[in-house]
Amino acid sequence: MKWHELGEMNCPIARSLSIFGDRWTLLIIRNAFMATRRFDDFQKQLGITRHLLTERINRLVENNIFEKVLYHEAPKRYEYKLTEKGLALYPIIISMSTWGNIWQNENKQFQELRYLHKSCGHVIQPKLTCDCCGQELHAKEMRPVYQ
């Protein structure tokens, strides 16, 4: 199967991966959540080539994950801001971060990245819960169904 064909599959995970399923794109999105907005800043922080960064950012703009906003007229310079659709990726980023803290840091060689909830001032441990009953969700208690 070719990469571009993922977007046409009857699978929401495959369709999502067609937009942000490579390592660079997810790291760009992660940095956007950490307040990076400008092309040169993304490039410096990630060490990605200009060509790859341009390609990935253009895909994010085309798919309405980023909005391209002019911030300097001459020469033209743009910022890339997360759209509502882009902001909706936050649970994925925070879940991956939590998973990485636990499963990719078993020897505690890396400092853990935690998230502070500004409203209450506490560092949180995110959990998935059922929107109907409020119970925490576990894989063994779930069954996918198409509707």
N, C-alpha and C. Protein backbone atom coordinates (compact mmCIF):
# COMPACT_ATOMS: atom_id res chain seq x y z
N MET A 1 0.84 -1.18 0.00
CA MET A 1 0.00 0.00 0.00
C MET A 1 0.89 1.24 0.00
N LYS A 2 0.51 2.21 -0.78
CA LYS A 2 1.25 3.47 -0.85
C LYS A 2 0.75 4.42 0.25
N TRP A 3 1.66 5.31 0.67
CA TRP A 3 1.38 6.24 1.77
C TRP A 3 0.11 7.04 1.53
N HIS A 4 -0.05 7.60 0.33
CA HIS A 4 -1.21 8.46 0.05
C HIS A 4 -2.53 7.69 0.07
N GLU A 5 -2.48 6.37 -0.08
CA GLU A 5 -3.70 5.56 -0.07
C GLU A 5 -4.29 5.40 1.32
N LEU A 6 -3.50 5.67 2.36
CA LEU A 6 -4.02 5.57 3.72
C LEU A 6 -5.22 6.48 3.95
N GLY A 7 -5.19 7.65 3.34
CA GLY A 7 -6.26 8.62 3.52
C GLY A 7 -7.60 8.20 2.95
N GLU A 8 -7.61 7.12 2.17
CA GLU A 8 -8.84 6.65 1.55
C GLU A 8 -9.37 5.37 2.18
N MET A 9 -8.73 4.90 3.24
CA MET A 9 -9.15 3.66 3.88
C MET A 9 -10.35 3.88 4.80
N ASN A 10 -11.13 2.83 4.99
CA ASN A 10 -12.25 2.88 5.91
C ASN A 10 -11.75 2.59 7.33
N CYS A 11 -10.78 3.38 7.76
CA CYS A 11 -10.20 3.23 9.08
C CYS A 11 -9.75 4.61 9.56
N PRO A 12 -10.31 5.11 10.66
CA PRO A 12 -9.95 6.46 11.11
C PRO A 12 -8.48 6.59 11.51
N ILE A 13 -7.88 5.50 11.97
CA ILE A 13 -6.46 5.56 12.33
C ILE A 13 -5.61 5.72 11.07
N ALA A 14 -5.89 4.95 10.04
CA ALA A 14 -5.15 5.05 8.78
C ALA A 14 -5.31 6.44 8.17
N ARG A 15 -6.53 6.96 8.17
CA ARG A 15 -6.76 8.30 7.60
C ARG A 15 -5.99 9.36 8.39
N SER A 16 -5.94 9.21 9.71
CA SER A 16 -5.18 10.16 10.54
C SER A 16 -3.69 10.05 10.25
N LEU A 17 -3.20 8.82 10.13
CA LEU A 17 -1.78 8.62 9.84
C LEU A 17 -1.38 9.21 8.49
N SER A 18 -2.32 9.30 7.56
CA SER A 18 -2.00 9.88 6.26
C SER A 18 -1.62 11.36 6.38
N ILE A 19 -2.01 12.00 7.49
CA ILE A 19 -1.68 13.40 7.72
C ILE A 19 -0.48 13.55 8.65
N PHE A 20 -0.49 12.86 9.77
CA PHE A 20 0.57 13.10 10.76
C PHE A 20 1.26 11.81 11.23
N GLY A 21 1.33 10.83 10.36
CA GLY A 21 1.87 9.54 10.76
C GLY A 21 3.36 9.34 10.58
N ASP A 22 4.12 10.38 10.44
CA ASP A 22 5.57 10.21 10.39
C ASP A 22 6.19 10.96 11.57
N ARG A 23 7.41 10.61 11.90
CA ARG A 23 8.02 11.17 13.12
C ARG A 23 8.17 12.68 13.05
N TRP A 24 8.53 13.23 11.91
CA TRP A 24 8.75 14.67 11.85
C TRP A 24 7.47 15.45 12.08
N THR A 25 6.38 15.01 11.48
CA THR A 25 5.12 15.74 11.61
C THR A 25 4.65 15.76 13.06
N LEU A 26 4.73 14.64 13.73
CA LEU A 26 4.32 14.62 15.14
C LEU A 26 5.21 15.50 16.00
N LEU A 27 6.50 15.55 15.70
CA LEU A 27 7.40 16.41 16.46
C LEU A 27 7.12 17.89 16.17
N ILE A 28 6.77 18.21 14.94
CA ILE A 28 6.39 19.59 14.60
C ILE A 28 5.13 19.98 15.39
N ILE A 29 4.15 19.08 15.42
CA ILE A 29 2.92 19.35 16.17
C ILE A 29 3.24 19.48 17.66
N ARG A 30 4.08 18.59 18.18
CA ARG A 30 4.47 18.70 19.59
C ARG A 30 5.06 20.07 19.89
N ASN A 31 5.98 20.53 19.03
CA ASN A 31 6.61 21.84 19.25
C ASN A 31 5.61 22.98 19.11
N ALA A 32 4.62 22.82 18.25
CA ALA A 32 3.58 23.85 18.14
C ALA A 32 2.82 23.97 19.46
N PHE A 33 2.58 22.85 20.13
CA PHE A 33 1.93 22.88 21.44
C PHE A 33 2.85 23.49 22.50
N MET A 34 4.14 23.55 22.22
CA MET A 34 5.09 24.17 23.14
C MET A 34 5.41 25.60 22.70
N ALA A 35 4.50 26.19 21.93
CA ALA A 35 4.53 27.61 21.53
C ALA A 35 5.51 27.96 20.41
N THR A 36 5.99 26.98 19.67
CA THR A 36 6.80 27.28 18.50
C THR A 36 5.86 27.67 17.37
N ARG A 37 6.18 28.75 16.66
CA ARG A 37 5.31 29.25 15.60
C ARG A 37 6.04 29.48 14.27
N ARG A 38 7.33 29.75 14.34
CA ARG A 38 8.06 30.19 13.15
C ARG A 38 8.94 29.08 12.56
N PHE A 39 9.02 29.10 11.24
CA PHE A 39 9.74 28.08 10.48
C PHE A 39 11.15 27.89 11.00
N ASP A 40 11.91 28.97 11.14
CA ASP A 40 13.30 28.86 11.58
C ASP A 40 13.41 28.27 12.98
N ASP A 41 12.44 28.56 13.83
CA ASP A 41 12.44 27.99 15.19
C ASP A 41 12.18 26.49 15.15
N PHE A 42 11.22 26.06 14.32
CA PHE A 42 10.99 24.63 14.16
C PHE A 42 12.27 23.95 13.68
N GLN A 43 12.91 24.55 12.69
CA GLN A 43 14.10 23.94 12.12
C GLN A 43 15.24 23.85 13.14
N LYS A 44 15.46 24.91 13.88
CA LYS A 44 16.52 24.91 14.91
C LYS A 44 16.24 23.87 15.99
N GLN A 45 15.02 23.83 16.46
CA GLN A 45 14.67 22.94 17.56
C GLN A 45 14.72 21.47 17.16
N LEU A 46 14.33 21.17 15.92
CA LEU A 46 14.22 19.78 15.48
C LEU A 46 15.42 19.27 14.70
N GLY A 47 16.20 20.18 14.11
CA GLY A 47 17.33 19.75 13.29
C GLY A 47 16.90 19.10 11.98
N ILE A 48 15.73 19.44 11.50
CA ILE A 48 15.15 18.89 10.27
C ILE A 48 15.61 19.75 9.08
N THR A 49 15.75 19.15 7.92
CA THR A 49 16.15 19.92 6.74
C THR A 49 15.02 20.87 6.34
N ARG A 50 15.38 21.95 5.67
CA ARG A 50 14.38 22.92 5.22
C ARG A 50 13.37 22.27 4.28
N HIS A 51 13.86 21.40 3.41
CA HIS A 51 12.99 20.72 2.45
C HIS A 51 11.94 19.88 3.16
N LEU A 52 12.36 19.03 4.10
CA LEU A 52 11.41 18.18 4.83
C LEU A 52 10.45 19.01 5.66
N LEU A 53 10.97 20.04 6.32
CA LEU A 53 10.11 20.89 7.14
C LEU A 53 9.06 21.59 6.29
N THR A 54 9.47 22.11 5.16
CA THR A 54 8.52 22.76 4.24
C THR A 54 7.43 21.79 3.82
N GLU A 55 7.83 20.59 3.45
CA GLU A 55 6.87 19.58 3.02
C GLU A 55 5.88 19.24 4.14
N ARG A 56 6.38 19.02 5.34
CA ARG A 56 5.51 18.64 6.46
C ARG A 56 4.59 19.79 6.88
N ILE A 57 5.12 20.99 6.95
CA ILE A 57 4.29 22.15 7.32
C ILE A 57 3.22 22.40 6.27
N ASN A 58 3.58 22.29 4.99
CA ASN A 58 2.59 22.47 3.92
C ASN A 58 1.46 21.46 4.04
N ARG A 59 1.78 20.21 4.39
CA ARG A 59 0.75 19.19 4.56
C ARG A 59 -0.16 19.56 5.74
N LEU A 60 0.42 20.07 6.80
CA LEU A 60 -0.38 20.48 7.96
C LEU A 60 -1.28 21.67 7.64
N VAL A 61 -0.79 22.59 6.83
CA VAL A 61 -1.61 23.73 6.40
C VAL A 61 -2.73 23.25 5.48
N GLU A 62 -2.40 22.40 4.50
CA GLU A 62 -3.39 21.87 3.56
C GLU A 62 -4.51 21.10 4.27
N ASN A 63 -4.17 20.46 5.37
CA ASN A 63 -5.15 19.66 6.10
C ASN A 63 -5.76 20.41 7.27
N ASN A 64 -5.56 21.73 7.29
CA ASN A 64 -6.17 22.61 8.29
C ASN A 64 -5.79 22.26 9.74
N ILE A 65 -4.56 21.78 9.92
CA ILE A 65 -4.01 21.54 11.25
C ILE A 65 -3.31 22.82 11.71
N PHE A 66 -2.61 23.46 10.76
CA PHE A 66 -1.96 24.75 10.98
C PHE A 66 -2.63 25.81 10.13
N GLU A 67 -2.62 27.02 10.64
CA GLU A 67 -3.02 28.19 9.87
C GLU A 67 -1.75 28.99 9.62
N LYS A 68 -1.54 29.39 8.38
CA LYS A 68 -0.38 30.19 7.99
C LYS A 68 -0.75 31.66 8.13
N VAL A 69 -0.03 32.38 9.03
CA VAL A 69 -0.37 33.76 9.35
C VAL A 69 0.84 34.65 9.07
N LEU A 70 0.64 35.65 8.22
CA LEU A 70 1.70 36.61 7.90
C LEU A 70 2.02 37.45 9.13
N TYR A 71 3.32 37.52 9.48
CA TYR A 71 3.70 38.37 10.61
C TYR A 71 4.71 39.45 10.20
N HIS A 72 5.27 39.35 8.99
CA HIS A 72 6.21 40.36 8.50
C HIS A 72 6.03 40.50 7.00
N GLU A 73 5.87 41.73 6.53
CA GLU A 73 5.51 41.96 5.12
C GLU A 73 6.70 41.86 4.17
N ALA A 74 7.84 42.50 4.50
CA ALA A 74 8.96 42.50 3.56
C ALA A 74 10.25 42.15 4.30
N PRO A 75 10.82 41.01 4.07
CA PRO A 75 10.30 39.91 3.25
C PRO A 75 9.15 39.22 3.96
N LYS A 76 8.33 38.55 3.16
CA LYS A 76 7.17 37.87 3.73
C LYS A 76 7.63 36.76 4.67
N ARG A 77 7.12 36.83 5.88
CA ARG A 77 7.42 35.82 6.91
C ARG A 77 6.09 35.38 7.54
N TYR A 78 6.02 34.09 7.82
CA TYR A 78 4.78 33.53 8.34
C TYR A 78 4.99 32.80 9.66
N GLU A 79 3.93 32.79 10.44
CA GLU A 79 3.86 31.94 11.62
C GLU A 79 2.86 30.84 11.31
N TYR A 80 3.02 29.73 11.99
CA TYR A 80 2.12 28.60 11.81
C TYR A 80 1.46 28.33 13.15
N LYS A 81 0.15 28.55 13.18
CA LYS A 81 -0.61 28.43 14.43
C LYS A 81 -1.56 27.25 14.33
N LEU A 82 -1.70 26.55 15.42
CA LEU A 82 -2.64 25.43 15.47
C LEU A 82 -4.08 25.94 15.30
N THR A 83 -4.83 25.29 14.44
CA THR A 83 -6.25 25.59 14.26
C THR A 83 -7.04 24.81 15.31
N GLU A 84 -8.34 24.94 15.29
CA GLU A 84 -9.18 24.15 16.18
C GLU A 84 -8.96 22.66 15.93
N LYS A 85 -8.85 22.29 14.66
CA LYS A 85 -8.58 20.89 14.29
C LYS A 85 -7.21 20.47 14.82
N GLY A 86 -6.24 21.35 14.75
CA GLY A 86 -4.91 21.05 15.27
C GLY A 86 -4.91 20.93 16.78
N LEU A 87 -5.61 21.83 17.46
CA LEU A 87 -5.69 21.78 18.92
C LEU A 87 -6.35 20.49 19.40
N ALA A 88 -7.21 19.92 18.58
CA ALA A 88 -7.87 18.66 18.94
C ALA A 88 -6.89 17.49 18.99
N LEU A 89 -5.67 17.68 18.51
CA LEU A 89 -4.64 16.64 18.59
C LEU A 89 -3.97 16.56 19.96
N TYR A 90 -4.28 17.50 20.83
CA TYR A 90 -3.62 17.55 22.13
C TYR A 90 -3.74 16.24 22.92
N PRO A 91 -4.89 15.59 22.98
CA PRO A 91 -4.96 14.32 23.72
C PRO A 91 -4.00 13.26 23.17
N ILE A 92 -3.76 13.27 21.87
CA ILE A 92 -2.83 12.31 21.28
C ILE A 92 -1.41 12.61 21.73
N ILE A 93 -1.02 13.88 21.68
CA ILE A 93 0.33 14.28 22.08
C ILE A 93 0.56 13.99 23.56
N ILE A 94 -0.39 14.34 24.40
CA ILE A 94 -0.22 14.13 25.84
C ILE A 94 -0.23 12.63 26.18
N SER A 95 -1.03 11.84 25.46
CA SER A 95 -1.04 10.39 25.68
C SER A 95 0.28 9.77 25.26
N MET A 96 0.83 10.19 24.14
CA MET A 96 2.12 9.66 23.70
C MET A 96 3.23 10.04 24.68
N SER A 97 3.17 11.25 25.19
CA SER A 97 4.15 11.70 26.16
C SER A 97 4.08 10.86 27.43
N THR A 98 2.88 10.61 27.90
CA THR A 98 2.68 9.80 29.10
C THR A 98 3.18 8.38 28.88
N TRP A 99 2.86 7.80 27.74
CA TRP A 99 3.32 6.46 27.39
C TRP A 99 4.85 6.42 27.35
N GLY A 100 5.46 7.44 26.73
CA GLY A 100 6.92 7.50 26.66
C GLY A 100 7.58 7.64 28.02
N ASN A 101 6.96 8.40 28.93
CA ASN A 101 7.49 8.52 30.30
C ASN A 101 7.54 7.16 30.98
N ILE A 102 6.53 6.34 30.75
CA ILE A 102 6.43 5.05 31.42
C ILE A 102 7.23 3.96 30.71
N TRP A 103 7.01 3.80 29.41
CA TRP A 103 7.52 2.63 28.70
C TRP A 103 8.84 2.85 27.96
N GLN A 104 9.21 4.08 27.72
CA GLN A 104 10.48 4.35 27.02
C GLN A 104 11.48 5.02 27.95
N ASN A 105 11.28 4.84 29.23
CA ASN A 105 12.17 5.44 30.22
C ASN A 105 12.26 4.52 31.45
N GLU A 106 12.29 3.22 31.18
CA GLU A 106 12.24 2.24 32.27
C GLU A 106 13.44 2.34 33.21
N ASN A 107 14.59 2.76 32.70
CA ASN A 107 15.78 2.90 33.55
C ASN A 107 15.89 4.29 34.17
N LYS A 108 14.87 5.11 33.95
CA LYS A 108 14.83 6.48 34.49
C LYS A 108 16.05 7.30 34.08
N GLN A 109 16.51 7.10 32.84
CA GLN A 109 17.66 7.86 32.36
C GLN A 109 17.28 9.23 31.83
N PHE A 110 15.99 9.44 31.56
CA PHE A 110 15.52 10.72 31.05
C PHE A 110 14.62 11.40 32.08
N GLN A 111 14.65 12.71 32.07
CA GLN A 111 13.73 13.47 32.92
C GLN A 111 12.33 13.32 32.33
N GLU A 112 11.35 13.07 33.18
CA GLU A 112 9.98 12.92 32.70
C GLU A 112 9.37 14.27 32.37
N LEU A 113 8.58 14.28 31.29
CA LEU A 113 7.83 15.47 30.92
C LEU A 113 6.45 15.34 31.53
N ARG A 114 6.07 16.26 32.37
CA ARG A 114 4.77 16.26 33.02
C ARG A 114 4.00 17.49 32.58
N TYR A 115 2.72 17.52 32.88
CA TYR A 115 1.86 18.61 32.46
C TYR A 115 1.15 19.21 33.68
N LEU A 116 1.23 20.52 33.77
CA LEU A 116 0.62 21.26 34.86
C LEU A 116 -0.72 21.80 34.40
N HIS A 117 -1.79 21.48 35.14
CA HIS A 117 -3.12 21.99 34.84
C HIS A 117 -3.20 23.39 35.45
N LYS A 118 -3.23 24.41 34.60
CA LYS A 118 -3.19 25.79 35.08
C LYS A 118 -4.36 26.14 36.00
N SER A 119 -5.53 25.59 35.73
CA SER A 119 -6.72 25.94 36.52
C SER A 119 -6.59 25.55 37.98
N CYS A 120 -6.05 24.36 38.25
CA CYS A 120 -5.97 23.90 39.64
C CYS A 120 -4.55 23.92 40.19
N GLY A 121 -3.56 24.09 39.30
CA GLY A 121 -2.18 24.17 39.75
C GLY A 121 -1.50 22.84 40.04
N HIS A 122 -2.12 21.72 39.66
CA HIS A 122 -1.55 20.41 39.92
C HIS A 122 -0.93 19.82 38.66
N VAL A 123 0.14 19.04 38.87
CA VAL A 123 0.70 18.23 37.79
C VAL A 123 -0.23 17.03 37.64
N ILE A 124 -0.62 16.75 36.42
CA ILE A 124 -1.64 15.73 36.18
C ILE A 124 -1.04 14.44 35.64
N GLN A 125 -1.78 13.37 35.82
CA GLN A 125 -1.54 12.08 35.19
C GLN A 125 -2.77 11.81 34.34
N PRO A 126 -2.72 12.08 33.03
CA PRO A 126 -3.93 11.98 32.20
C PRO A 126 -4.48 10.56 32.15
N LYS A 127 -5.81 10.48 32.06
CA LYS A 127 -6.51 9.20 31.98
C LYS A 127 -7.66 9.35 31.00
N LEU A 128 -7.96 8.28 30.29
CA LEU A 128 -9.14 8.25 29.43
C LEU A 128 -10.32 7.76 30.27
N THR A 129 -11.42 8.46 30.17
CA THR A 129 -12.62 8.06 30.90
C THR A 129 -13.81 8.03 29.96
N CYS A 130 -14.78 7.23 30.30
CA CYS A 130 -16.02 7.13 29.54
C CYS A 130 -16.82 8.42 29.72
N ASP A 131 -17.27 8.99 28.63
CA ASP A 131 -18.06 10.22 28.72
C ASP A 131 -19.48 9.97 29.23
N CYS A 132 -19.90 8.72 29.31
CA CYS A 132 -21.25 8.40 29.82
C CYS A 132 -21.24 8.09 31.32
N CYS A 133 -20.34 7.19 31.75
CA CYS A 133 -20.37 6.76 33.15
C CYS A 133 -19.21 7.29 33.98
N GLY A 134 -18.18 7.85 33.31
CA GLY A 134 -17.05 8.42 34.03
C GLY A 134 -15.97 7.43 34.42
N GLN A 135 -16.16 6.13 34.16
CA GLN A 135 -15.15 5.14 34.52
C GLN A 135 -13.92 5.27 33.64
N GLU A 136 -12.76 4.93 34.23
CA GLU A 136 -11.52 4.93 33.47
C GLU A 136 -11.59 3.81 32.42
N LEU A 137 -11.07 4.09 31.22
CA LEU A 137 -11.13 3.13 30.12
C LEU A 137 -9.86 2.28 30.07
N HIS A 138 -10.05 0.98 29.84
CA HIS A 138 -8.95 0.03 29.71
C HIS A 138 -9.20 -0.80 28.45
N ALA A 139 -8.14 -1.12 27.73
CA ALA A 139 -8.25 -1.82 26.44
C ALA A 139 -9.05 -3.11 26.53
N LYS A 140 -8.87 -3.87 27.59
CA LYS A 140 -9.56 -5.16 27.70
C LYS A 140 -11.06 -5.00 27.92
N GLU A 141 -11.50 -3.81 28.25
CA GLU A 141 -12.92 -3.57 28.48
C GLU A 141 -13.59 -2.85 27.31
N MET A 142 -12.90 -2.74 26.20
CA MET A 142 -13.41 -2.00 25.05
C MET A 142 -13.63 -2.95 23.87
N ARG A 143 -14.56 -2.56 23.00
CA ARG A 143 -14.81 -3.28 21.76
C ARG A 143 -15.14 -2.26 20.69
N PRO A 144 -14.37 -2.22 19.60
CA PRO A 144 -14.67 -1.25 18.54
C PRO A 144 -15.91 -1.66 17.77
N VAL A 145 -16.74 -0.69 17.41
CA VAL A 145 -17.92 -0.91 16.60
C VAL A 145 -18.03 0.23 15.59
N TYR A 146 -18.34 -0.10 14.34
CA TYR A 146 -18.57 0.94 13.33
C TYR A 146 -20.04 1.33 13.37
N GLN A 147 -20.30 2.62 13.26
CA GLN A 147 -21.69 3.10 13.24
C GLN A 147 -21.92 3.98 12.03
